[in-house]
Amino acid sequence: MPRTATIQSEYETGTSGQEVFRSTHEMGWIIGTGENGFGALLRRGDYLFQAPLSHFTQTARWDLSPGYQNQDDGFNRVIQPGCIYCHAAALSPSPATRSYRDPAFTQTSVGCENCHVQAPPMSRQCAKARSPKTVQTLPL
């Protein structure tokens, strides 16, 4: 089966209708369960960035990602380790630089350890967290 990619573009057209600029990026990960929606992340060098558009389940449409309603950062909104922690598991950030080692994620879903340090693997919390509603990061 051929690999498909999720692409997002930002562009501007001038008053004449001619394109002034275009910035296009392939998304590296889709995050979210679909309960509220899905967002996308991209990687440039050792840094992760939030994509400007997310898909929201209740409205069944694409709209600005959380935080973009306040200002347009384009594809330059750096993902801070503290912000992504609830949405992904087994991150490998470098605390000194806020960059991410390769691979950025070493696990594909949120586990008990995100909320409960060293939680017993068979605890009730883990059983719930590993249900089909588990938040996932999916490499494309």
N, C-alpha and C. Protein backbone atom coordinates (compact mmCIF):
# COMPACT_ATOMS: atom_id res chain seq x y z
N MET A 1 0.85 -1.18 0.00
CA MET A 1 0.00 0.00 0.00
C MET A 1 0.90 1.24 0.00
N PRO A 2 0.64 2.20 -0.86
CA PRO A 2 1.49 3.40 -0.91
C PRO A 2 1.31 4.27 0.33
N ARG A 3 2.38 4.89 0.70
CA ARG A 3 2.38 5.79 1.86
C ARG A 3 1.67 7.09 1.48
N THR A 4 0.76 7.53 2.35
CA THR A 4 0.10 8.81 2.12
C THR A 4 0.62 9.80 3.14
N ALA A 5 0.59 11.05 2.80
CA ALA A 5 1.11 12.09 3.68
C ALA A 5 0.02 13.13 3.93
N THR A 6 0.08 13.73 5.10
CA THR A 6 -0.78 14.86 5.41
C THR A 6 0.06 16.11 5.21
N ILE A 7 -0.44 17.00 4.39
CA ILE A 7 0.27 18.22 4.03
C ILE A 7 -0.58 19.42 4.45
N GLN A 8 0.06 20.45 4.99
CA GLN A 8 -0.62 21.71 5.25
C GLN A 8 0.17 22.82 4.59
N SER A 9 -0.56 23.81 4.05
CA SER A 9 0.06 24.96 3.40
C SER A 9 -0.51 26.24 3.95
N GLU A 10 0.33 27.24 4.00
CA GLU A 10 -0.09 28.60 4.33
C GLU A 10 0.38 29.47 3.16
N TYR A 11 -0.50 30.34 2.69
CA TYR A 11 -0.10 31.18 1.56
C TYR A 11 -0.84 32.52 1.63
N GLU A 12 -0.36 33.45 0.85
CA GLU A 12 -0.99 34.76 0.75
C GLU A 12 -1.03 35.16 -0.72
N THR A 13 -2.13 35.78 -1.09
CA THR A 13 -2.22 36.33 -2.44
C THR A 13 -2.29 37.85 -2.33
N GLY A 14 -1.67 38.51 -3.30
CA GLY A 14 -1.69 39.97 -3.33
C GLY A 14 -2.99 40.49 -3.91
N THR A 15 -3.13 41.80 -4.00
CA THR A 15 -4.35 42.41 -4.52
C THR A 15 -4.62 42.03 -5.97
N SER A 16 -3.57 41.70 -6.71
CA SER A 16 -3.74 41.28 -8.11
C SER A 16 -4.15 39.82 -8.23
N GLY A 17 -4.19 39.11 -7.09
CA GLY A 17 -4.54 37.69 -7.10
C GLY A 17 -3.33 36.79 -7.27
N GLN A 18 -2.17 37.37 -7.49
CA GLN A 18 -0.95 36.59 -7.65
C GLN A 18 -0.42 36.15 -6.28
N GLU A 19 0.09 34.94 -6.22
CA GLU A 19 0.61 34.41 -4.97
C GLU A 19 1.86 35.17 -4.53
N VAL A 20 1.86 35.62 -3.26
CA VAL A 20 2.99 36.35 -2.68
C VAL A 20 3.98 35.37 -2.05
N PHE A 21 3.46 34.41 -1.30
CA PHE A 21 4.32 33.38 -0.71
C PHE A 21 3.49 32.14 -0.44
N ARG A 22 4.18 31.02 -0.28
CA ARG A 22 3.55 29.75 0.09
C ARG A 22 4.55 28.99 0.95
N SER A 23 4.05 28.46 2.07
CA SER A 23 4.86 27.63 2.96
C SER A 23 4.11 26.30 3.12
N THR A 24 4.70 25.22 2.65
CA THR A 24 4.05 23.91 2.65
C THR A 24 4.92 22.93 3.43
N HIS A 25 4.28 22.15 4.30
CA HIS A 25 5.02 21.20 5.13
C HIS A 25 4.28 19.87 5.22
N GLU A 26 5.05 18.79 5.25
CA GLU A 26 4.49 17.47 5.52
C GLU A 26 4.41 17.28 7.03
N MET A 27 3.27 16.83 7.50
CA MET A 27 3.08 16.59 8.93
C MET A 27 3.73 15.27 9.31
N GLY A 28 4.43 15.27 10.43
CA GLY A 28 5.12 14.07 10.89
C GLY A 28 4.27 13.18 11.77
N TRP A 29 3.34 13.78 12.51
CA TRP A 29 2.49 13.03 13.43
C TRP A 29 1.11 13.66 13.48
N ILE A 30 0.12 12.82 13.68
CA ILE A 30 -1.25 13.25 13.98
C ILE A 30 -1.49 12.87 15.43
N ILE A 31 -1.96 13.82 16.23
CA ILE A 31 -2.22 13.53 17.64
C ILE A 31 -3.70 13.75 17.93
N GLY A 32 -4.22 13.00 18.88
CA GLY A 32 -5.61 13.11 19.29
C GLY A 32 -6.34 11.80 19.10
N THR A 33 -7.42 11.63 19.84
CA THR A 33 -8.21 10.41 19.76
C THR A 33 -9.36 10.55 18.79
N GLY A 34 -9.71 11.77 18.45
CA GLY A 34 -10.90 12.01 17.66
C GLY A 34 -12.08 12.37 18.54
N GLU A 35 -11.94 12.18 19.85
CA GLU A 35 -13.02 12.56 20.78
C GLU A 35 -13.31 14.05 20.63
N ASN A 36 -12.28 14.88 20.66
CA ASN A 36 -12.42 16.31 20.42
C ASN A 36 -11.93 16.69 19.03
N GLY A 37 -10.97 15.95 18.54
CA GLY A 37 -10.43 16.24 17.21
C GLY A 37 -9.04 15.68 17.05
N PHE A 38 -8.36 16.16 15.99
CA PHE A 38 -7.00 15.75 15.68
C PHE A 38 -6.16 16.98 15.36
N GLY A 39 -4.93 16.96 15.80
CA GLY A 39 -3.99 18.01 15.46
C GLY A 39 -2.78 17.39 14.80
N ALA A 40 -1.90 18.21 14.29
CA ALA A 40 -0.74 17.70 13.58
C ALA A 40 0.54 18.38 14.07
N LEU A 41 1.63 17.64 14.01
CA LEU A 41 2.95 18.14 14.38
C LEU A 41 3.90 17.93 13.22
N LEU A 42 4.86 18.82 13.10
CA LEU A 42 5.92 18.64 12.12
C LEU A 42 7.25 18.82 12.81
N ARG A 43 8.27 18.32 12.18
CA ARG A 43 9.62 18.40 12.75
C ARG A 43 10.52 19.14 11.78
N ARG A 44 11.29 20.07 12.33
CA ARG A 44 12.36 20.72 11.57
C ARG A 44 13.60 20.64 12.46
N GLY A 45 14.60 19.94 11.96
CA GLY A 45 15.80 19.74 12.78
C GLY A 45 15.43 18.95 14.02
N ASP A 46 15.82 19.46 15.18
CA ASP A 46 15.53 18.78 16.44
C ASP A 46 14.32 19.36 17.15
N TYR A 47 13.51 20.15 16.46
CA TYR A 47 12.38 20.81 17.09
C TYR A 47 11.05 20.34 16.50
N LEU A 48 10.03 20.29 17.35
CA LEU A 48 8.67 19.96 16.92
C LEU A 48 7.84 21.23 16.90
N PHE A 49 6.94 21.33 15.92
CA PHE A 49 6.10 22.50 15.76
C PHE A 49 4.65 22.08 15.60
N GLN A 50 3.75 22.89 16.13
CA GLN A 50 2.32 22.65 15.97
C GLN A 50 1.89 23.17 14.61
N ALA A 51 1.08 22.41 13.92
CA ALA A 51 0.54 22.86 12.63
C ALA A 51 -0.62 23.83 12.88
N PRO A 52 -0.80 24.80 11.99
CA PRO A 52 -1.82 25.83 12.21
C PRO A 52 -3.27 25.33 12.13
N LEU A 53 -3.51 24.19 11.50
CA LEU A 53 -4.88 23.69 11.38
C LEU A 53 -5.07 22.38 12.12
N SER A 54 -6.23 22.24 12.74
CA SER A 54 -6.64 21.00 13.40
C SER A 54 -8.04 20.65 12.92
N HIS A 55 -8.39 19.38 13.01
CA HIS A 55 -9.74 18.95 12.66
C HIS A 55 -10.53 18.74 13.95
N PHE A 56 -11.71 19.37 14.04
CA PHE A 56 -12.54 19.30 15.24
C PHE A 56 -13.75 18.42 14.98
N THR A 57 -13.96 17.43 15.86
CA THR A 57 -14.99 16.42 15.68
C THR A 57 -16.40 16.99 15.76
N GLN A 58 -16.69 17.81 16.78
CA GLN A 58 -18.06 18.32 16.96
C GLN A 58 -18.55 19.11 15.76
N THR A 59 -17.70 19.93 15.17
CA THR A 59 -18.10 20.74 14.03
C THR A 59 -17.80 20.05 12.71
N ALA A 60 -17.05 18.94 12.77
CA ALA A 60 -16.66 18.18 11.58
C ALA A 60 -16.00 19.08 10.54
N ARG A 61 -15.09 19.93 11.03
CA ARG A 61 -14.39 20.83 10.10
C ARG A 61 -12.99 21.15 10.59
N TRP A 62 -12.19 21.65 9.65
CA TRP A 62 -10.85 22.12 9.96
C TRP A 62 -10.95 23.56 10.42
N ASP A 63 -10.16 23.90 11.44
CA ASP A 63 -10.14 25.27 11.95
C ASP A 63 -8.76 25.51 12.56
N LEU A 64 -8.55 26.72 13.06
CA LEU A 64 -7.26 27.05 13.67
C LEU A 64 -6.98 26.15 14.87
N SER A 65 -5.76 25.69 14.96
CA SER A 65 -5.33 24.88 16.10
C SER A 65 -5.39 25.72 17.38
N PRO A 66 -5.56 25.07 18.53
CA PRO A 66 -5.59 25.81 19.79
C PRO A 66 -4.37 26.72 19.93
N GLY A 67 -4.62 27.97 20.29
CA GLY A 67 -3.56 28.96 20.45
C GLY A 67 -3.39 29.86 19.24
N TYR A 68 -3.79 29.40 18.07
CA TYR A 68 -3.63 30.20 16.86
C TYR A 68 -4.69 31.30 16.74
N GLN A 69 -5.76 31.21 17.52
CA GLN A 69 -6.76 32.27 17.50
C GLN A 69 -6.20 33.55 18.11
N ASN A 70 -5.12 33.44 18.87
CA ASN A 70 -4.50 34.61 19.51
C ASN A 70 -3.48 35.30 18.62
N GLN A 71 -2.76 34.52 17.82
CA GLN A 71 -1.78 35.09 16.89
C GLN A 71 -1.41 34.05 15.85
N ASP A 72 -1.03 34.50 14.67
CA ASP A 72 -0.66 33.61 13.58
C ASP A 72 0.84 33.35 13.62
N ASP A 73 1.20 32.16 14.07
CA ASP A 73 2.60 31.78 14.13
C ASP A 73 3.03 30.97 12.91
N GLY A 74 2.12 30.77 11.97
CA GLY A 74 2.44 29.96 10.81
C GLY A 74 2.88 28.57 11.25
N PHE A 75 3.97 28.10 10.69
CA PHE A 75 4.51 26.79 11.07
C PHE A 75 5.67 26.96 12.05
N ASN A 76 5.64 28.01 12.85
CA ASN A 76 6.75 28.33 13.75
C ASN A 76 6.38 28.26 15.23
N ARG A 77 5.28 27.63 15.57
CA ARG A 77 4.88 27.51 16.97
C ARG A 77 5.55 26.27 17.57
N VAL A 78 6.62 26.50 18.31
CA VAL A 78 7.41 25.40 18.89
C VAL A 78 6.58 24.66 19.93
N ILE A 79 6.64 23.34 19.87
CA ILE A 79 5.98 22.50 20.87
C ILE A 79 6.88 22.43 22.09
N GLN A 80 6.37 22.93 23.19
CA GLN A 80 7.11 22.88 24.45
C GLN A 80 6.89 21.52 25.10
N PRO A 81 7.92 20.92 25.68
CA PRO A 81 7.76 19.61 26.32
C PRO A 81 6.61 19.56 27.33
N GLY A 82 6.40 20.61 28.10
CA GLY A 82 5.32 20.61 29.09
C GLY A 82 3.94 20.61 28.46
N CYS A 83 3.80 21.16 27.26
CA CYS A 83 2.49 21.22 26.60
C CYS A 83 2.12 19.90 25.93
N ILE A 84 3.07 19.24 25.33
CA ILE A 84 2.78 18.02 24.59
C ILE A 84 2.67 16.81 25.51
N TYR A 85 3.14 16.94 26.73
CA TYR A 85 3.21 15.81 27.66
C TYR A 85 1.87 15.09 27.83
N CYS A 86 0.75 15.82 27.85
CA CYS A 86 -0.57 15.21 28.03
C CYS A 86 -1.11 14.59 26.75
N HIS A 87 -0.51 14.89 25.62
CA HIS A 87 -1.03 14.44 24.34
C HIS A 87 -0.22 13.32 23.71
N ALA A 88 0.91 13.00 24.27
CA ALA A 88 1.80 11.99 23.69
C ALA A 88 2.60 11.32 24.79
N ALA A 89 3.18 10.19 24.47
CA ALA A 89 3.91 9.42 25.48
C ALA A 89 5.37 9.26 25.11
N ALA A 90 6.15 8.97 26.13
CA ALA A 90 7.55 8.62 25.96
C ALA A 90 8.30 9.60 25.07
N LEU A 91 8.20 10.86 25.43
CA LEU A 91 8.91 11.91 24.70
C LEU A 91 10.39 11.86 25.02
N SER A 92 11.18 12.39 24.11
CA SER A 92 12.62 12.44 24.38
C SER A 92 13.14 13.87 24.22
N PRO A 93 12.62 14.81 25.05
CA PRO A 93 13.11 16.19 24.94
C PRO A 93 14.45 16.37 25.62
N SER A 94 15.17 17.36 25.16
CA SER A 94 16.41 17.78 25.80
C SER A 94 16.07 19.01 26.63
N PRO A 95 16.05 18.92 27.96
CA PRO A 95 15.61 20.03 28.80
C PRO A 95 16.38 21.33 28.58
N ALA A 96 17.65 21.23 28.26
CA ALA A 96 18.46 22.44 28.11
C ALA A 96 18.07 23.24 26.88
N THR A 97 17.74 22.57 25.79
CA THR A 97 17.48 23.28 24.53
C THR A 97 16.02 23.25 24.10
N ARG A 98 15.20 22.45 24.76
CA ARG A 98 13.80 22.24 24.38
C ARG A 98 13.66 21.61 23.00
N SER A 99 14.72 20.98 22.55
CA SER A 99 14.67 20.25 21.29
C SER A 99 14.34 18.80 21.61
N TYR A 100 14.18 17.98 20.58
CA TYR A 100 13.81 16.58 20.75
C TYR A 100 14.84 15.69 20.07
N ARG A 101 15.20 14.62 20.78
CA ARG A 101 16.11 13.65 20.18
C ARG A 101 15.33 12.84 19.13
N ASP A 102 16.05 12.05 18.36
CA ASP A 102 15.42 11.23 17.35
C ASP A 102 15.40 9.79 17.84
N PRO A 103 14.28 9.14 17.95
CA PRO A 103 12.94 9.60 17.61
C PRO A 103 12.37 10.51 18.69
N ALA A 104 11.47 11.40 18.30
CA ALA A 104 10.86 12.33 19.25
C ALA A 104 9.95 11.59 20.23
N PHE A 105 9.32 10.52 19.77
CA PHE A 105 8.43 9.70 20.60
C PHE A 105 8.94 8.27 20.54
N THR A 106 8.96 7.61 21.68
CA THR A 106 9.41 6.22 21.70
C THR A 106 8.25 5.27 22.02
N GLN A 107 7.05 5.79 22.09
CA GLN A 107 5.86 5.00 22.36
C GLN A 107 4.72 5.66 21.59
N THR A 108 3.77 4.87 21.11
CA THR A 108 2.74 5.44 20.24
C THR A 108 1.43 5.80 20.93
N SER A 109 1.34 5.67 22.23
CA SER A 109 0.13 6.10 22.92
C SER A 109 0.46 6.58 24.32
N VAL A 110 -0.45 7.32 24.90
CA VAL A 110 -0.26 7.82 26.25
C VAL A 110 -0.39 6.66 27.22
N GLY A 111 0.54 6.54 28.14
CA GLY A 111 0.51 5.47 29.12
C GLY A 111 0.25 6.00 30.52
N CYS A 112 0.17 5.12 31.46
CA CYS A 112 -0.12 5.48 32.85
C CYS A 112 0.91 6.45 33.41
N GLU A 113 2.17 6.28 32.96
CA GLU A 113 3.26 7.07 33.51
C GLU A 113 3.13 8.56 33.21
N ASN A 114 2.32 8.93 32.23
CA ASN A 114 2.12 10.35 31.95
C ASN A 114 1.51 11.07 33.15
N CYS A 115 0.62 10.39 33.86
CA CYS A 115 -0.03 11.01 35.02
C CYS A 115 0.43 10.40 36.34
N HIS A 116 0.75 9.11 36.31
CA HIS A 116 1.09 8.38 37.53
C HIS A 116 2.50 7.85 37.41
N VAL A 117 3.44 8.45 38.07
CA VAL A 117 4.82 8.01 38.00
C VAL A 117 4.92 6.55 38.45
N GLN A 118 5.54 5.74 37.60
CA GLN A 118 5.76 4.33 37.89
C GLN A 118 4.48 3.59 38.28
N ALA A 119 3.39 3.84 37.57
CA ALA A 119 2.12 3.17 37.88
C ALA A 119 2.23 1.68 37.59
N PRO A 120 1.60 0.85 38.43
CA PRO A 120 1.62 -0.59 38.15
C PRO A 120 0.92 -0.85 36.82
N PRO A 121 1.49 -1.66 35.94
CA PRO A 121 0.94 -1.84 34.59
C PRO A 121 -0.47 -2.38 34.56
N MET A 122 -0.90 -3.10 35.56
CA MET A 122 -2.24 -3.66 35.54
C MET A 122 -3.23 -2.88 36.42
N SER A 123 -2.87 -1.68 36.80
CA SER A 123 -3.78 -0.90 37.64
C SER A 123 -5.02 -0.50 36.85
N ARG A 124 -6.08 -0.13 37.55
CA ARG A 124 -7.31 0.27 36.89
C ARG A 124 -7.11 1.49 36.00
N GLN A 125 -6.27 2.43 36.46
CA GLN A 125 -6.02 3.61 35.65
C GLN A 125 -5.43 3.22 34.30
N CYS A 126 -4.50 2.29 34.31
CA CYS A 126 -3.87 1.87 33.06
C CYS A 126 -4.86 1.14 32.16
N ALA A 127 -5.70 0.33 32.75
CA ALA A 127 -6.69 -0.38 31.95
C ALA A 127 -7.59 0.62 31.22
N LYS A 128 -7.99 1.68 31.93
CA LYS A 128 -8.80 2.73 31.30
C LYS A 128 -7.99 3.48 30.25
N ALA A 129 -6.77 3.85 30.58
CA ALA A 129 -5.94 4.65 29.67
C ALA A 129 -5.61 3.90 28.39
N ARG A 130 -5.59 2.58 28.44
CA ARG A 130 -5.23 1.80 27.26
C ARG A 130 -6.46 1.34 26.48
N SER A 131 -7.62 1.94 26.76
CA SER A 131 -8.83 1.63 26.02
C SER A 131 -8.72 2.19 24.61
N PRO A 132 -9.66 1.87 23.72
CA PRO A 132 -9.59 2.39 22.35
C PRO A 132 -9.59 3.92 22.26
N LYS A 133 -9.96 4.62 23.33
CA LYS A 133 -9.97 6.08 23.33
C LYS A 133 -8.60 6.67 23.68
N THR A 134 -7.59 5.82 23.77
CA THR A 134 -6.24 6.28 24.11
C THR A 134 -5.75 7.33 23.12
N VAL A 135 -5.16 8.39 23.62
CA VAL A 135 -4.56 9.39 22.76
C VAL A 135 -3.36 8.76 22.07
N GLN A 136 -3.21 9.00 20.80
CA GLN A 136 -2.13 8.36 20.08
C GLN A 136 -1.35 9.37 19.25
N THR A 137 -0.10 9.09 19.07
CA THR A 137 0.71 9.81 18.09
C THR A 137 1.00 8.80 17.00
N LEU A 138 0.65 9.13 15.80
CA LEU A 138 0.78 8.19 14.70
C LEU A 138 1.78 8.72 13.68
N PRO A 139 2.91 8.06 13.52
CA PRO A 139 3.83 8.51 12.47
C PRO A 139 3.16 8.28 11.13
N LEU A 140 3.31 9.21 10.22
CA LEU A 140 2.69 9.08 8.89
C LEU A 140 3.60 8.35 7.93
